[in-house]
Amino acid sequence: MRLRKLRKGDLQRILLQTVGAVGFLAVALFAPNALQALKKLGIIGKKRQKEVITLARKKLIKNKLLTEHKNVYKLTRKGEAKLRQLELKDFKFKKPTRWDGKWRILMFDIKESQSGLRNKIRKTLIVIGFLRLQNSVWIYPYPCENLIALLKADFQIGSELLYITANSIEYDTELRKSFGLY
C-alpha cells in the first residue's frame, strides 16, 4: 500500500488534538488513539508507527507544547495555541449562498519590532481567503466576526487589528471578480 506523504503539522495536530480532547492523556491511551487516527489518514505504516509517535511526542515535549509527568501528558498554553494555529490553517468558511453586498475590511498596525507577528497575520489571512488591498489592509466579502475575535485572542492583539463592515468600496469590480461575485 502506498502511504500518503506526511504534511508538516499533520502529526503534530493529531497528537495535540488527542491530548487536547480530554485535557490530559495517560501514555497507555496516547499511542493507540493517535495511531488509529494516523492509520485512518493513511499517514504511516505499521512498521514504523510506534517509532514515529515516540519521536513526535518527544519533539512536542522539547518544544514545550506538551508536558509529561508520570506518563501523563498535558497541553501547555503554547501547545493549545499551536493546536488552534494548526486547526486554523485548514479552516475554510462556508460561503453563504448569496452575498449580502457588504465588504469586510481588516486593517492592522503592528510595530516593526513585531514583524514576525505581522507575517503570521498575513499568512493566516491569505489561507482564509482574504485579499490584500494595501500593505496592512485586507478584504473579504463574507461575515467573519467570530474568526477575527479568535485571531485577536490567539495573536494577543486588540486595537492593533481593526474590523470594518462597509456597504460599498469604490472601483470594486476587480474585487468582485476575484471573489467570484459576478
Protein backbone atom coordinates (compact mmCIF):
# COMPACT_ATOMS: atom_id res chain seq x y z
CA MET A 1 0.00 0.00 0.00
CA ARG A 2 1.30 3.44 -0.91
CA LEU A 3 1.36 5.83 2.03
CA ARG A 4 0.38 9.47 1.84
CA LYS A 5 3.27 11.86 2.35
CA LEU A 6 3.16 13.30 5.86
CA ARG A 7 2.42 17.01 5.70
CA LYS A 8 4.15 19.22 8.20
CA GLY A 9 1.77 19.73 11.07
CA ASP A 10 -0.47 16.69 10.40
CA LEU A 11 1.16 14.56 13.05
CA GLN A 12 1.50 17.46 15.47
CA ARG A 13 -2.15 18.34 15.06
CA ILE A 14 -3.29 14.75 15.58
CA LEU A 15 -1.19 14.30 18.70
CA LEU A 16 -2.15 17.68 20.14
CA GLN A 17 -5.84 17.03 19.37
CA THR A 18 -5.61 13.63 21.02
CA VAL A 19 -4.27 15.16 24.21
CA GLY A 20 -6.44 18.26 23.96
CA ALA A 21 -9.66 16.29 23.62
CA VAL A 22 -9.68 15.43 27.31
CA GLY A 23 -7.17 17.95 28.68
CA PHE A 24 -4.69 15.23 29.58
CA LEU A 25 -3.90 11.72 28.49
CA ALA A 26 -2.01 8.81 30.01
CA VAL A 27 0.73 7.25 27.91
CA ALA A 28 -1.16 3.95 27.68
CA LEU A 29 -4.01 5.72 25.92
CA PHE A 30 -1.90 8.18 23.96
CA ALA A 31 -0.39 5.91 21.33
CA PRO A 32 -3.46 3.82 20.40
CA ASN A 33 -5.69 6.86 19.83
CA ALA A 34 -3.08 8.68 17.78
CA LEU A 35 -2.21 5.52 15.85
CA GLN A 36 -5.84 4.93 14.91
CA ALA A 37 -6.13 8.48 13.59
CA LEU A 38 -2.89 8.16 11.62
CA LYS A 39 -3.96 4.79 10.24
CA LYS A 40 -7.30 6.19 9.05
CA LEU A 41 -5.47 9.01 7.30
CA GLY A 42 -3.01 6.58 5.73
CA ILE A 43 -0.06 8.59 7.01
CA ILE A 44 2.17 5.89 8.45
CA GLY A 45 2.54 2.16 8.07
CA LYS A 46 2.56 -0.47 10.79
CA LYS A 47 6.33 -1.00 10.84
CA ARG A 48 7.30 2.50 12.00
CA GLN A 49 4.17 3.76 13.70
CA LYS A 50 5.38 3.46 17.32
CA GLU A 51 8.73 4.98 16.42
CA VAL A 52 7.09 7.90 14.60
CA ILE A 53 4.70 8.56 17.50
CA THR A 54 7.50 8.41 20.07
CA LEU A 55 9.70 10.82 18.11
CA ALA A 56 6.82 13.23 17.55
CA ARG A 57 5.83 13.09 21.22
CA LYS A 58 9.42 13.83 22.31
CA LYS A 59 9.59 16.75 19.89
CA LEU A 60 6.33 18.19 21.23
CA ILE A 61 7.73 17.99 24.77
CA LYS A 62 11.06 19.50 23.68
CA ASN A 63 9.21 22.38 22.00
CA LYS A 64 7.16 22.85 25.20
CA LEU A 65 3.86 22.08 23.51
CA LEU A 66 3.24 19.13 25.84
CA THR A 67 4.29 18.36 29.39
CA GLU A 68 4.77 14.88 30.76
CA HIS A 69 4.64 13.85 34.40
CA LYS A 70 4.47 10.18 35.40
CA ASN A 71 3.36 9.14 31.91
CA VAL A 72 0.50 11.67 31.83
CA TYR A 73 0.59 14.23 29.02
CA LYS A 74 -0.97 17.68 29.13
CA LEU A 75 -1.13 20.51 26.61
CA THR A 76 0.76 23.62 27.61
CA ARG A 77 -0.59 27.07 26.78
CA LYS A 78 1.90 27.13 23.94
CA GLY A 79 0.54 23.73 22.84
CA GLU A 80 -3.05 24.99 22.92
CA ALA A 81 -2.06 28.00 20.80
CA LYS A 82 -0.20 25.76 18.34
CA LEU A 83 -3.21 23.46 18.07
CA ARG A 84 -5.50 26.42 17.31
CA GLN A 85 -2.98 27.61 14.72
CA LEU A 86 -2.83 24.19 13.03
CA GLU A 87 -6.61 23.90 13.01
CA LEU A 88 -6.96 27.43 11.64
CA LYS A 89 -4.58 26.56 8.81
CA ASP A 90 -7.16 24.17 7.37
CA PHE A 91 -10.12 26.38 8.27
CA LYS A 92 -12.49 27.18 5.44
CA PHE A 93 -15.55 29.39 5.64
CA LYS A 94 -18.87 28.08 4.49
CA LYS A 95 -19.78 30.72 1.97
CA PRO A 96 -23.37 31.90 2.11
CA THR A 97 -25.43 31.11 -0.97
CA ARG A 98 -25.97 34.84 -1.54
CA TRP A 99 -23.56 37.68 -0.90
CA ASP A 100 -25.08 40.35 1.34
CA GLY A 101 -23.31 43.13 -0.61
CA LYS A 102 -21.10 44.14 2.32
CA TRP A 103 -17.34 44.11 2.43
CA ARG A 104 -15.37 43.03 5.49
CA ILE A 105 -12.20 45.06 5.81
CA LEU A 106 -9.42 44.18 8.19
CA MET A 107 -6.68 46.67 8.99
CA PHE A 108 -3.78 46.14 11.31
CA ASP A 109 -0.98 48.30 12.63
CA ILE A 110 1.74 46.12 14.12
CA LYS A 111 5.08 47.60 15.21
CA GLU A 112 8.22 46.87 13.19
CA SER A 113 9.67 45.12 16.24
CA GLN A 114 6.88 42.53 15.86
CA SER A 115 7.38 41.78 12.18
CA GLY A 116 7.06 38.04 12.86
CA LEU A 117 3.55 38.60 14.19
CA ARG A 118 2.68 40.73 11.15
CA ASN A 119 3.81 37.93 8.86
CA LYS A 120 1.74 35.34 10.78
CA ILE A 121 -1.34 37.53 10.45
CA ARG A 122 -0.76 37.99 6.71
CA LYS A 123 -0.28 34.26 6.13
CA THR A 124 -3.40 33.45 8.13
CA LEU A 125 -5.49 35.93 6.16
CA ILE A 126 -4.24 34.52 2.85
CA VAL A 127 -5.13 30.98 3.92
CA ILE A 128 -8.62 32.08 4.95
CA GLY A 129 -9.18 33.76 1.59
CA PHE A 130 -8.76 37.47 2.28
CA LEU A 131 -7.32 39.64 -0.49
CA ARG A 132 -4.79 42.39 0.13
CA LEU A 133 -5.96 45.90 -0.74
CA GLN A 134 -2.88 47.67 0.64
CA ASN A 135 0.03 46.68 2.87
CA SER A 136 -1.98 46.17 6.05
CA VAL A 137 -5.49 46.40 4.64
CA TRP A 138 -7.31 43.19 3.72
CA ILE A 139 -10.79 42.50 2.38
CA TYR A 140 -13.29 39.64 2.45
CA PRO A 141 -16.92 39.60 1.26
CA TYR A 142 -18.48 37.33 3.89
CA PRO A 143 -19.19 37.69 7.62
CA CYS A 144 -16.23 36.59 9.74
CA GLU A 145 -16.54 38.41 13.08
CA ASN A 146 -16.06 35.23 15.11
CA LEU A 147 -12.88 34.35 13.28
CA ILE A 148 -11.48 37.85 13.78
CA ALA A 149 -12.23 37.60 17.51
CA LEU A 150 -10.35 34.28 17.55
CA LEU A 151 -7.39 35.82 15.71
CA LYS A 152 -7.25 38.70 18.18
CA ALA A 153 -7.24 36.24 21.08
CA ASP A 154 -4.69 33.86 19.53
CA PHE A 155 -2.29 36.59 18.46
CA GLN A 156 -2.93 38.57 21.67
CA ILE A 157 -3.73 41.77 19.84
CA GLY A 158 -6.69 44.04 20.35
CA SER A 159 -6.88 47.53 18.98
CA GLU A 160 -3.99 46.81 16.59
CA LEU A 161 -6.45 44.82 14.47
CA LEU A 162 -9.48 46.74 13.25
CA TYR A 163 -12.51 45.04 11.65
CA ILE A 164 -14.82 47.13 9.47
CA THR A 165 -18.01 46.27 7.61
CA ALA A 166 -18.55 48.52 4.59
CA ASN A 167 -21.58 48.81 2.32
CA SER A 168 -19.51 49.77 -0.69
CA ILE A 169 -15.98 50.33 -1.96
CA GLU A 170 -15.03 52.47 -4.92
CA TYR A 171 -13.95 50.60 -8.02
CA ASP A 172 -14.82 47.18 -6.58
CA THR A 173 -15.32 45.49 -9.98
CA GLU A 174 -11.99 43.66 -9.81
CA LEU A 175 -12.62 42.64 -6.20
CA ARG A 176 -15.98 41.18 -7.13
CA LYS A 177 -14.36 39.23 -9.97
CA SER A 178 -11.63 37.95 -7.63
CA PHE A 179 -14.22 36.58 -5.22
CA GLY A 180 -16.49 35.28 -7.98
CA LEU A 181 -19.32 37.65 -7.08
CA TYR A 182 -20.44 38.36 -10.65
